[in-house]
């Protein structure tokens, strides 16, 4: 049995989130939470909140034991890109891509 939580349209680049995803993939939820609280990455704040949500989903919806949970999957997919313009010299413009992410965490119970 698995439980999951998803965050869509997060205003952070998927490349930055993937670093944190690879850190917690396969770890116990307690260890993953401690790891993210002590890692100075911008994505850790979003991922901590999402991991708490996935654990709560597992406990309340599927009646899993919160002490036996581990992060089965943690992945990020790119969302839509907000395209903005920035004026530069000689009457030109450069495009600025503001990237978004869809983050998913799946937790399961260790047998």
PDB file of N, CA and C in Angstrom:
ATOM      1  N   UNK A   1       0.845  -1.176   0.000  1.00  0.00           N
ATOM      2  CA  UNK A   1       0.000   0.000   0.000  1.00  0.00           C
ATOM      3  C   UNK A   1       0.890   1.239   0.000  1.00  0.00           C
ATOM      4  N   UNK A   2       0.525   2.231  -0.763  1.00  0.00           N
ATOM      5  CA  UNK A   2       1.293   3.478  -0.822  1.00  0.00           C
ATOM      6  C   UNK A   2       0.364   4.669  -0.686  1.00  0.00           C
ATOM      7  N   UNK A   3       0.938   5.756  -0.229  1.00  0.00           N
ATOM      8  CA  UNK A   3       0.214   7.024  -0.157  1.00  0.00           C
ATOM      9  C   UNK A   3       1.092   8.080  -0.804  1.00  0.00           C
ATOM     10  N   UNK A   4       0.468   9.066  -1.443  1.00  0.00           N
ATOM     11  CA  UNK A   4       1.280  10.083  -2.104  1.00  0.00           C
ATOM     12  C   UNK A   4       0.721  11.476  -1.874  1.00  0.00           C
ATOM     13  N   UNK A   5       1.572  12.440  -2.105  1.00  0.00           N
ATOM     14  CA  UNK A   5       1.203  13.856  -2.032  1.00  0.00           C
ATOM     15  C   UNK A   5       1.859  14.556  -3.209  1.00  0.00           C
ATOM     16  N   UNK A   6       1.144  15.514  -3.790  1.00  0.00           N
ATOM     17  CA  UNK A   6       1.633  16.216  -4.975  1.00  0.00           C
ATOM     18  C   UNK A   6       1.526  17.721  -4.780  1.00  0.00           C
ATOM     19  N   UNK A   7       2.546  18.420  -5.202  1.00  0.00           N
ATOM     20  CA  UNK A   7       2.535  19.879  -5.230  1.00  0.00           C
ATOM     21  C   UNK A   7       2.696  20.297  -6.682  1.00  0.00           C
ATOM     22  N   UNK A   8       1.728  21.029  -7.189  1.00  0.00           N
ATOM     23  CA  UNK A   8       1.779  21.440  -8.590  1.00  0.00           C
ATOM     24  C   UNK A   8       2.051  22.937  -8.690  1.00  0.00           C
ATOM     25  N   UNK A   9       2.686  23.324  -9.768  1.00  0.00           N
ATOM     26  CA  UNK A   9       2.973  24.717 -10.105  1.00  0.00           C
ATOM     27  C   UNK A   9       3.816  25.421  -9.046  1.00  0.00           C
ATOM     28  N   UNK A  10       4.780  24.719  -8.460  1.00  0.00           N
ATOM     29  CA  UNK A  10       5.696  25.334  -7.492  1.00  0.00           C
ATOM     30  C   UNK A  10       6.655  26.237  -8.259  1.00  0.00           C
ATOM     31  N   UNK A  11       6.866  27.459  -7.776  1.00  0.00           N
ATOM     32  CA  UNK A  11       7.695  28.437  -8.486  1.00  0.00           C
ATOM     33  C   UNK A  11       9.177  28.232  -8.151  1.00  0.00           C
ATOM     34  N   UNK A  12       9.680  27.068  -8.523  1.00  0.00           N
ATOM     35  CA  UNK A  12      11.091  26.758  -8.344  1.00  0.00           C
ATOM     36  C   UNK A  12      11.509  25.858  -9.502  1.00  0.00           C
ATOM     37  N   UNK A  13      12.716  25.978  -9.918  1.00  0.00           N
ATOM     38  CA  UNK A  13      13.208  25.210 -11.062  1.00  0.00           C
ATOM     39  C   UNK A  13      13.279  23.714 -10.728  1.00  0.00           C
ATOM     40  N   UNK A  14      12.874  22.849 -11.653  1.00  0.00           N
ATOM     41  CA  UNK A  14      12.940  21.410 -11.395  1.00  0.00           C
ATOM     42  C   UNK A  14      14.364  20.909 -11.130  1.00  0.00           C
ATOM     43  N   UNK A  15      15.327  21.581 -11.702  1.00  0.00           N
ATOM     44  CA  UNK A  15      16.715  21.193 -11.513  1.00  0.00           C
ATOM     45  C   UNK A  15      17.149  21.338 -10.047  1.00  0.00           C
ATOM     46  N   UNK A  16      16.632  22.367  -9.374  1.00  0.00           N
ATOM     47  CA  UNK A  16      16.962  22.589  -7.964  1.00  0.00           C
ATOM     48  C   UNK A  16      16.255  21.576  -7.069  1.00  0.00           C
ATOM     49  N   UNK A  17      15.042  21.197  -7.441  1.00  0.00           N
ATOM     50  CA  UNK A  17      14.258  20.264  -6.634  1.00  0.00           C
ATOM     51  C   UNK A  17      14.805  18.847  -6.768  1.00  0.00           C
ATOM     52  N   UNK A  18      15.310  18.498  -7.932  1.00  0.00           N
ATOM     53  CA  UNK A  18      15.812  17.145  -8.177  1.00  0.00           C
ATOM     54  C   UNK A  18      16.969  16.791  -7.250  1.00  0.00           C
ATOM     55  N   UNK A  19      17.765  17.774  -6.857  1.00  0.00           N
ATOM     56  CA  UNK A  19      18.880  17.548  -5.931  1.00  0.00           C
ATOM     57  C   UNK A  19      18.353  17.028  -4.601  1.00  0.00           C
ATOM     58  N   UNK A  20      17.295  17.650  -4.094  1.00  0.00           N
ATOM     59  CA  UNK A  20      16.715  17.248  -2.814  1.00  0.00           C
ATOM     60  C   UNK A  20      15.976  15.917  -2.954  1.00  0.00           C
ATOM     61  N   UNK A  21      15.318  15.706  -4.089  1.00  0.00           N
ATOM     62  CA  UNK A  21      14.620  14.431  -4.328  1.00  0.00           C
ATOM     63  C   UNK A  21      15.584  13.257  -4.254  1.00  0.00           C
ATOM     64  N   UNK A  22      16.738  13.405  -4.864  1.00  0.00           N
ATOM     65  CA  UNK A  22      17.704  12.320  -4.857  1.00  0.00           C
ATOM     66  C   UNK A  22      18.301  12.095  -3.467  1.00  0.00           C
ATOM     67  N   UNK A  23      18.292  13.124  -2.628  1.00  0.00           N
ATOM     68  CA  UNK A  23      18.778  12.983  -1.252  1.00  0.00           C
ATOM     69  C   UNK A  23      17.875  12.082  -0.416  1.00  0.00           C
ATOM     70  N   UNK A  24      16.550  12.226  -0.576  1.00  0.00           N
ATOM     71  CA  UNK A  24      15.621  11.536   0.322  1.00  0.00           C
ATOM     72  C   UNK A  24      15.056  10.242  -0.248  1.00  0.00           C
ATOM     73  N   UNK A  25      15.261   9.977  -1.521  1.00  0.00           N
ATOM     74  CA  UNK A  25      14.683   8.785  -2.150  1.00  0.00           C
ATOM     75  C   UNK A  25      15.192   7.515  -1.477  1.00  0.00           C
ATOM     76  N   UNK A  26      14.254   6.667  -1.010  1.00  0.00           N
ATOM     77  CA  UNK A  26      14.606   5.396  -0.389  1.00  0.00           C
ATOM     78  C   UNK A  26      14.879   5.455   1.098  1.00  0.00           C
ATOM     79  N   UNK A  27      14.856   6.641   1.708  1.00  0.00           N
ATOM     80  CA  UNK A  27      15.160   6.798   3.133  1.00  0.00           C
ATOM     81  C   UNK A  27      13.885   6.674   3.975  1.00  0.00           C
ATOM     82  N   UNK A  28      14.056   6.387   5.265  1.00  0.00           N
ATOM     83  CA  UNK A  28      12.917   6.413   6.190  1.00  0.00           C
ATOM     84  C   UNK A  28      12.436   7.852   6.330  1.00  0.00           C
ATOM     85  N   UNK A  29      11.150   8.028   6.606  1.00  0.00           N
ATOM     86  CA  UNK A  29      10.584   9.378   6.611  1.00  0.00           C
ATOM     87  C   UNK A  29      11.178  10.249   7.716  1.00  0.00           C
ATOM     88  N   UNK A  30      11.461   9.664   8.883  1.00  0.00           N
ATOM     89  CA  UNK A  30      12.054  10.444   9.980  1.00  0.00           C
ATOM     90  C   UNK A  30      13.436  10.961   9.588  1.00  0.00           C
ATOM     91  N   UNK A  31      14.220  10.072   8.979  1.00  0.00           N
ATOM     92  CA  UNK A  31      15.567  10.446   8.555  1.00  0.00           C
ATOM     93  C   UNK A  31      15.517  11.483   7.435  1.00  0.00           C
ATOM     94  N   UNK A  32      14.588  11.298   6.494  1.00  0.00           N
ATOM     95  CA  UNK A  32      14.448  12.241   5.377  1.00  0.00           C
ATOM     96  C   UNK A  32      14.037  13.625   5.882  1.00  0.00           C
ATOM     97  N   UNK A  33      13.152  13.655   6.873  1.00  0.00           N
ATOM     98  CA  UNK A  33      12.709  14.933   7.446  1.00  0.00           C
ATOM     99  C   UNK A  33      13.882  15.651   8.116  1.00  0.00           C
ATOM    100  N   UNK A  34      14.669  14.919   8.902  1.00  0.00           N
ATOM    101  CA  UNK A  34      15.831  15.506   9.569  1.00  0.00           C
ATOM    102  C   UNK A  34      16.862  15.987   8.559  1.00  0.00           C
ATOM    103  N   UNK A  35      17.034  15.212   7.491  1.00  0.00           N
ATOM    104  CA  UNK A  35      17.982  15.571   6.441  1.00  0.00           C
ATOM    105  C   UNK A  35      17.593  16.882   5.776  1.00  0.00           C
ATOM    106  N   UNK A  36      16.310  17.035   5.471  1.00  0.00           N
ATOM    107  CA  UNK A  36      15.853  18.250   4.783  1.00  0.00           C
ATOM    108  C   UNK A  36      15.847  19.470   5.695  1.00  0.00           C
ATOM    109  N   UNK A  37      15.604  19.265   6.985  1.00  0.00           N
ATOM    110  CA  UNK A  37      15.607  20.401   7.913  1.00  0.00           C
ATOM    111  C   UNK A  37      17.008  20.975   8.102  1.00  0.00           C
ATOM    112  N   UNK A  38      18.035  20.163   7.850  1.00  0.00           N
ATOM    113  CA  UNK A  38      19.415  20.613   8.033  1.00  0.00           C
ATOM    114  C   UNK A  38      20.166  20.834   6.726  1.00  0.00           C
ATOM    115  N   UNK A  39      19.453  20.844   5.607  1.00  0.00           N
ATOM    116  CA  UNK A  39      20.070  21.099   4.312  1.00  0.00           C
ATOM    117  C   UNK A  39      19.693  22.503   3.846  1.00  0.00           C
ATOM    118  N   UNK A  40      20.672  23.342   3.520  1.00  0.00           N
ATOM    119  CA  UNK A  40      20.364  24.731   3.143  1.00  0.00           C
ATOM    120  C   UNK A  40      19.988  24.896   1.670  1.00  0.00           C
ATOM    121  N   UNK A  41      18.916  24.260   1.247  1.00  0.00           N
ATOM    122  CA  UNK A  41      18.426  24.381  -0.128  1.00  0.00           C
ATOM    123  C   UNK A  41      17.034  24.995  -0.087  1.00  0.00           C
ATOM    124  N   UNK A  42      16.698  25.766  -1.112  1.00  0.00           N
ATOM    125  CA  UNK A  42      15.391  26.415  -1.172  1.00  0.00           C
ATOM    126  C   UNK A  42      14.265  25.397  -1.319  1.00  0.00           C
ATOM    127  N   UNK A  43      14.545  24.284  -1.982  1.00  0.00           N
ATOM    128  CA  UNK A  43      13.520  23.266  -2.222  1.00  0.00           C
ATOM    129  C   UNK A  43      13.172  22.488  -0.960  1.00  0.00           C
ATOM    130  N   UNK A  44      14.039  22.502   0.038  1.00  0.00           N
ATOM    131  CA  UNK A  44      13.806  21.714   1.250  1.00  0.00           C
ATOM    132  C   UNK A  44      12.558  22.160   2.003  1.00  0.00           C
ATOM    133  N   UNK A  45      12.267  23.433   1.984  1.00  0.00           N
ATOM    134  CA  UNK A  45      11.088  23.946   2.679  1.00  0.00           C
ATOM    135  C   UNK A  45       9.807  23.375   2.059  1.00  0.00           C
ATOM    136  N   UNK A  46       9.728  23.383   0.733  1.00  0.00           N
ATOM    137  CA  UNK A  46       8.568  22.833   0.042  1.00  0.00           C
ATOM    138  C   UNK A  46       8.479  21.322   0.229  1.00  0.00           C
ATOM    139  N   UNK A  47       9.607  20.654   0.129  1.00  0.00           N
ATOM    140  CA  UNK A  47       9.629  19.198   0.224  1.00  0.00           C
ATOM    141  C   UNK A  47       9.292  18.698   1.622  1.00  0.00           C
ATOM    142  N   UNK A  48       9.700  19.442   2.660  1.00  0.00           N
ATOM    143  CA  UNK A  48       9.364  19.077   4.035  1.00  0.00           C
ATOM    144  C   UNK A  48       7.859  19.106   4.235  1.00  0.00           C
ATOM    145  N   UNK A  49       7.242  20.172   3.753  1.00  0.00           N
ATOM    146  CA  UNK A  49       5.799  20.310   3.858  1.00  0.00           C
ATOM    147  C   UNK A  49       5.084  19.181   3.103  1.00  0.00           C
ATOM    148  N   UNK A  50       5.600  18.850   1.941  1.00  0.00           N
ATOM    149  CA  UNK A  50       5.002  17.805   1.107  1.00  0.00           C
ATOM    150  C   UNK A  50       5.182  16.425   1.740  1.00  0.00           C
ATOM    151  N   UNK A  51       6.322  16.166   2.353  1.00  0.00           N
ATOM    152  CA  UNK A  51       6.562  14.882   3.011  1.00  0.00           C
ATOM    153  C   UNK A  51       5.644  14.713   4.219  1.00  0.00           C
ATOM    154  N   UNK A  52       5.433  15.787   4.976  1.00  0.00           N
ATOM    155  CA  UNK A  52       4.496  15.735   6.102  1.00  0.00           C
ATOM    156  C   UNK A  52       3.094  15.407   5.608  1.00  0.00           C
ATOM    157  N   UNK A  53       2.713  15.975   4.491  1.00  0.00           N
ATOM    158  CA  UNK A  53       1.397  15.723   3.917  1.00  0.00           C
ATOM    159  C   UNK A  53       1.258  14.272   3.473  1.00  0.00           C
ATOM    160  N   UNK A  54       2.290  13.721   2.837  1.00  0.00           N
ATOM    161  CA  UNK A  54       2.250  12.330   2.394  1.00  0.00           C
ATOM    162  C   UNK A  54       2.162  11.375   3.584  1.00  0.00           C
ATOM    163  N   UNK A  55       2.879  11.684   4.660  1.00  0.00           N
ATOM    164  CA  UNK A  55       2.818  10.848   5.867  1.00  0.00           C
ATOM    165  C   UNK A  55       1.435  10.918   6.512  1.00  0.00           C
ATOM    166  N   UNK A  56       0.844  12.099   6.537  1.00  0.00           N
ATOM    167  CA  UNK A  56      -0.501  12.261   7.095  1.00  0.00           C
ATOM    168  C   UNK A  56      -1.523  11.515   6.247  1.00  0.00           C
ATOM    169  N   UNK A  57      -1.355  11.549   4.915  1.00  0.00           N
ATOM    170  CA  UNK A  57      -2.242  10.795   4.028  1.00  0.00           C
ATOM    171  C   UNK A  57      -2.142   9.297   4.310  1.00  0.00           C
ATOM    172  N   UNK A  58      -0.936   8.813   4.511  1.00  0.00           N
ATOM    173  CA  UNK A  58      -0.728   7.392   4.775  1.00  0.00           C
ATOM    174  C   UNK A  58      -1.367   6.978   6.094  1.00  0.00           C
ATOM    175  N   UNK A  59      -1.214   7.826   7.092  1.00  0.00           N
ATOM    176  CA  UNK A  59      -1.729   7.499   8.423  1.00  0.00           C
ATOM    177  C   UNK A  59      -3.252   7.583   8.478  1.00  0.00           C
ATOM    178  N   UNK A  60      -3.829   8.627   7.907  1.00  0.00           N
ATOM    179  CA  UNK A  60      -5.267   8.857   8.038  1.00  0.00           C
ATOM    180  C   UNK A  60      -6.102   8.120   6.996  1.00  0.00           C
ATOM    181  N   UNK A  61      -5.628   8.075   5.755  1.00  0.00           N
ATOM    182  CA  UNK A  61      -6.437   7.471   4.695  1.00  0.00           C
ATOM    183  C   UNK A  61      -6.230   5.963   4.558  1.00  0.00           C
ATOM    184  N   UNK A  62      -5.015   5.486   4.841  1.00  0.00           N
ATOM    185  CA  UNK A  62      -4.711   4.076   4.623  1.00  0.00           C
ATOM    186  C   UNK A  62      -4.351   3.337   5.904  1.00  0.00           C
ATOM    187  N   UNK A  63      -4.399   4.024   7.041  1.00  0.00           N
ATOM    188  CA  UNK A  63      -4.134   3.452   8.369  1.00  0.00           C
ATOM    189  C   UNK A  63      -2.794   2.726   8.439  1.00  0.00           C
ATOM    190  N   UNK A  64      -1.764   3.356   7.908  1.00  0.00           N
ATOM    191  CA  UNK A  64      -0.410   2.801   7.984  1.00  0.00           C
ATOM    192  C   UNK A  64       0.255   3.273   9.277  1.00  0.00           C
ATOM    193  N   UNK A  65       1.242   2.515   9.718  1.00  0.00           N
ATOM    194  CA  UNK A  65       1.996   2.865  10.919  1.00  0.00           C
ATOM    195  C   UNK A  65       3.028   3.928  10.558  1.00  0.00           C
ATOM    196  N   UNK A  66       2.977   5.118  11.187  1.00  0.00           N
ATOM    197  CA  UNK A  66       3.907   6.191  10.801  1.00  0.00           C
ATOM    198  C   UNK A  66       5.380   5.885  11.103  1.00  0.00           C
ATOM    199  N   UNK A  67       5.647   4.920  11.990  1.00  0.00           N
ATOM    200  CA  UNK A  67       7.040   4.582  12.315  1.00  0.00           C
ATOM    201  C   UNK A  67       7.695   3.708  11.249  1.00  0.00           C
ATOM    202  N   UNK A  68       6.889   3.033  10.426  1.00  0.00           N
ATOM    203  CA  UNK A  68       7.433   2.122   9.412  1.00  0.00           C
ATOM    204  C   UNK A  68       7.431   2.706   8.003  1.00  0.00           C
ATOM    205  N   UNK A  69       7.181   3.998   7.870  1.00  0.00           N
ATOM    206  CA  UNK A  69       7.086   4.596   6.535  1.00  0.00           C
ATOM    207  C   UNK A  69       8.465   4.946   5.982  1.00  0.00           C
ATOM    208  N   UNK A  70       8.604   4.801   4.661  1.00  0.00           N
ATOM    209  CA  UNK A  70       9.814   5.241   3.977  1.00  0.00           C
ATOM    210  C   UNK A  70       9.415   5.905   2.657  1.00  0.00           C
ATOM    211  N   UNK A  71      10.310   6.697   2.106  1.00  0.00           N
ATOM    212  CA  UNK A  71      10.055   7.404   0.852  1.00  0.00           C
ATOM    213  C   UNK A  71      10.317   6.435  -0.296  1.00  0.00           C
ATOM    214  N   UNK A  72       9.242   5.956  -0.912  1.00  0.00           N
ATOM    215  CA  UNK A  72       9.376   4.996  -2.008  1.00  0.00           C
ATOM    216  C   UNK A  72       9.787   5.700  -3.291  1.00  0.00           C
ATOM    217  N   UNK A  73       9.121   6.816  -3.597  1.00  0.00           N
ATOM    218  CA  UNK A  73       9.448   7.584  -4.792  1.00  0.00           C
ATOM    219  C   UNK A  73       9.436   9.065  -4.444  1.00  0.00           C
ATOM    220  N   UNK A  74      10.320   9.797  -5.054  1.00  0.00           N
ATOM    221  CA  UNK A  74      10.331  11.260  -4.967  1.00  0.00           C
ATOM    222  C   UNK A  74      10.815  11.751  -6.325  1.00  0.00           C
ATOM    223  N   UNK A  75       9.940  12.426  -7.046  1.00  0.00           N
ATOM    224  CA  UNK A  75      10.333  12.887  -8.371  1.00  0.00           C
ATOM    225  C   UNK A  75       9.708  14.245  -8.672  1.00  0.00           C
ATOM    226  N   UNK A  76      10.288  14.899  -9.665  1.00  0.00           N
ATOM    227  CA  UNK A  76       9.820  16.222 -10.075  1.00  0.00           C
ATOM    228  C   UNK A  76       9.719  16.236 -11.596  1.00  0.00           C
ATOM    229  N   UNK A  77       8.666  16.870 -12.086  1.00  0.00           N
ATOM    230  CA  UNK A  77       8.499  17.061 -13.522  1.00  0.00           C
ATOM    231  C   UNK A  77       8.348  18.547 -13.785  1.00  0.00           C
ATOM    232  N   UNK A  78       8.808  19.024 -14.931  1.00  0.00           N
ATOM    233  CA  UNK A  78       8.692  20.456 -15.209  1.00  0.00           C
ATOM    234  C   UNK A  78       7.249  20.865 -15.478  1.00  0.00           C
ATOM    235  N   UNK A  79       6.887  22.016 -14.949  1.00  0.00           N
ATOM    236  CA  UNK A  79       5.569  22.586 -15.206  1.00  0.00           C
ATOM    237  C   UNK A  79       5.675  23.617 -16.311  1.00  0.00           C
ATOM    238  N   UNK A  80       4.645  24.446 -16.459  1.00  0.00           N
ATOM    239  CA  UNK A  80       4.702  25.481 -17.492  1.00  0.00           C
ATOM    240  C   UNK A  80       5.760  26.535 -17.168  1.00  0.00           C
ATOM    241  N   UNK A  81       6.314  27.117 -18.212  1.00  0.00           N
ATOM    242  CA  UNK A  81       7.348  28.141 -18.050  1.00  0.00           C
ATOM    243  C   UNK A  81       6.721  29.511 -18.264  1.00  0.00           C
ATOM    244  N   UNK A  82       6.931  30.403 -17.292  1.00  0.00           N
ATOM    245  CA  UNK A  82       6.464  31.782 -17.429  1.00  0.00           C
ATOM    246  C   UNK A  82       7.546  32.553 -18.183  1.00  0.00           C
ATOM    247  N   UNK A  83       7.216  33.056 -19.353  1.00  0.00           N
ATOM    248  CA  UNK A  83       8.204  33.731 -20.193  1.00  0.00           C
ATOM    249  C   UNK A  83       8.088  35.238 -19.996  1.00  0.00           C
ATOM    250  N   UNK A  84       9.180  35.861 -19.574  1.00  0.00           N
ATOM    251  CA  UNK A  84       9.211  37.292 -19.311  1.00  0.00           C
ATOM    252  C   UNK A  84      10.322  37.926 -20.136  1.00  0.00           C
ATOM    253  N   UNK A  85      10.242  39.249 -20.335  1.00  0.00           N
ATOM    254  CA  UNK A  85      11.259  39.966 -21.101  1.00  0.00           C
ATOM    255  C   UNK A  85      12.028  40.914 -20.179  1.00  0.00           C
ATOM    256  N   UNK A  86      13.306  41.065 -20.478  1.00  0.00           N
ATOM    257  CA  UNK A  86      14.162  41.985 -19.738  1.00  0.00           C
ATOM    258  C   UNK A  86      14.860  42.861 -20.761  1.00  0.00           C
ATOM    259  N   UNK A  87      14.704  44.160 -20.618  1.00  0.00           N
ATOM    260  CA  UNK A  87      15.310  45.088 -21.566  1.00  0.00           C
ATOM    261  C   UNK A  87      16.808  45.190 -21.326  1.00  0.00           C
ATOM    262  N   UNK A  88      17.562  45.198 -22.435  1.00  0.00           N
ATOM    263  CA  UNK A  88      19.010  45.317 -22.362  1.00  0.00           C
ATOM    264  C   UNK A  88      19.450  46.457 -23.282  1.00  0.00           C
ATOM    265  N   UNK A  89      20.745  46.642 -23.379  1.00  0.00           N
ATOM    266  CA  UNK A  89      21.271  47.785 -24.123  1.00  0.00           C
ATOM    267  C   UNK A  89      20.948  47.700 -25.623  1.00  0.00           C
ATOM    268  N   UNK A  90      21.071  48.829 -26.282  1.00  0.00           N
ATOM    269  CA  UNK A  90      20.872  48.971 -27.723  1.00  0.00           C
ATOM    270  C   UNK A  90      19.468  48.521 -28.159  1.00  0.00           C
ATOM    271  N   UNK A  91      18.473  48.873 -27.368  1.00  0.00           N
ATOM    272  CA  UNK A  91      17.058  48.632 -27.674  1.00  0.00           C
ATOM    273  C   UNK A  91      16.750  47.155 -27.901  1.00  0.00           C
ATOM    274  N   UNK A  92      17.401  46.311 -27.131  1.00  0.00           N
ATOM    275  CA  UNK A  92      17.152  44.875 -27.268  1.00  0.00           C
ATOM    276  C   UNK A  92      16.457  44.311 -26.042  1.00  0.00           C
ATOM    277  N   UNK A  93      16.046  43.077 -26.152  1.00  0.00           N
ATOM    278  CA  UNK A  93      15.446  42.391 -25.012  1.00  0.00           C
ATOM    279  C   UNK A  93      16.021  40.969 -24.922  1.00  0.00           C
ATOM    280  N   UNK A  94      16.104  40.482 -23.707  1.00  0.00           N
ATOM    281  CA  UNK A  94      16.461  39.094 -23.457  1.00  0.00           C
ATOM    282  C   UNK A  94      15.276  38.417 -22.791  1.00  0.00           C
ATOM    283  N   UNK A  95      15.065  37.163 -23.124  1.00  0.00           N
ATOM    284  CA  UNK A  95      13.968  36.447 -22.514  1.00  0.00           C
ATOM    285  C   UNK A  95      14.414  35.828 -21.192  1.00  0.00           C
ATOM    286  N   UNK A  96      13.570  35.948 -20.172  1.00  0.00           N
ATOM    287  CA  UNK A  96      13.817  35.346 -18.873  1.00  0.00           C
ATOM    288  C   UNK A  96      12.767  34.259 -18.679  1.00  0.00           C
ATOM    289  N   UNK A  97      13.217  33.023 -18.495  1.00  0.00           N
ATOM    290  CA  UNK A  97      12.303  31.907 -18.269  1.00  0.00           C
ATOM    291  C   UNK A  97      12.155  31.680 -16.778  1.00  0.00           C
ATOM    292  N   UNK A  98      10.944  31.826 -16.270  1.00  0.00           N
ATOM    293  CA  UNK A  98      10.655  31.536 -14.861  1.00  0.00           C
ATOM    294  C   UNK A  98      10.018  30.155 -14.816  1.00  0.00           C
ATOM    295  N   UNK A  99      10.796  29.193 -14.381  1.00  0.00           N
ATOM    296  CA  UNK A  99      10.369  27.796 -14.447  1.00  0.00           C
ATOM    297  C   UNK A  99       9.522  27.391 -13.249  1.00  0.00           C
ATOM    298  N   UNK A 100       8.613  26.432 -13.485  1.00  0.00           N
ATOM    299  CA  UNK A 100       7.783  25.883 -12.417  1.00  0.00           C
ATOM    300  C   UNK A 100       7.961  24.364 -12.380  1.00  0.00           C
ATOM    301  N   UNK A 101       7.513  23.756 -11.277  1.00  0.00           N
ATOM    302  CA  UNK A 101       7.706  22.324 -11.071  1.00  0.00           C
ATOM    303  C   UNK A 101       6.439  21.668 -10.547  1.00  0.00           C
ATOM    304  N   UNK A 102       6.286  20.386 -10.849  1.00  0.00           N
ATOM    305  CA  UNK A 102       5.285  19.541 -10.234  1.00  0.00           C
ATOM    306  C   UNK A 102       6.063  18.496  -9.428  1.00  0.00           C
ATOM    307  N   UNK A 103       5.890  18.512  -8.105  1.00  0.00           N
ATOM    308  CA  UNK A 103       6.667  17.627  -7.220  1.00  0.00           C
ATOM    309  C   UNK A 103       5.733  16.549  -6.659  1.00  0.00           C
ATOM    310  N   UNK A 104       6.189  15.301  -6.655  1.00  0.00           N
ATOM    311  CA  UNK A 104       5.410  14.190  -6.109  1.00  0.00           C
ATOM    312  C   UNK A 104       6.276  13.365  -5.173  1.00  0.00           C
ATOM    313  N   UNK A 105       5.701  13.033  -4.000  1.00  0.00           N
ATOM    314  CA  UNK A 105       6.366  12.146  -3.038  1.00  0.00           C
ATOM    315  C   UNK A 105       5.422  10.986  -2.747  1.00  0.00           C
ATOM    316  N   UNK A 106       5.935   9.764  -2.868  1.00  0.00           N
ATOM    317  CA  UNK A 106       5.172   8.557  -2.557  1.00  0.00           C
ATOM    318  C   UNK A 106       5.831   7.869  -1.364  1.00  0.00           C
ATOM    319  N   UNK A 107       5.035   7.590  -0.330  1.00  0.00           N
ATOM    320  CA  UNK A 107       5.540   6.873   0.833  1.00  0.00           C
ATOM    321  C   UNK A 107       4.866   5.510   0.916  1.00  0.00           C
ATOM    322  N   UNK A 108       5.584   4.531   1.432  1.00  0.00           N
ATOM    323  CA  UNK A 108       5.046   3.183   1.596  1.00  0.00           C
ATOM    324  C   UNK A 108       5.509   2.627   2.929  1.00  0.00           C
ATOM    325  N   UNK A 109       4.894   1.534   3.332  1.00  0.00           N
ATOM    326  CA  UNK A 109       5.212   0.914   4.616  1.00  0.00           C
ATOM    327  C   UNK A 109       6.231  -0.191   4.413  1.00  0.00           C
ATOM    328  N   UNK A 110       7.287  -0.191   5.240  1.00  0.00           N
ATOM    329  CA  UNK A 110       8.297  -1.258   5.197  1.00  0.00           C
ATOM    330  C   UNK A 110       7.684  -2.513   5.800  1.00  0.00           C
ATOM    331  N   UNK A 111       7.800  -3.615   5.115  1.00  0.00           N
ATOM    332  CA  UNK A 111       7.218  -4.870   5.633  1.00  0.00           C
ATOM    333  C   UNK A 111       8.130  -5.538   6.624  1.00  0.00           C
TER     334      UNK A 111
END
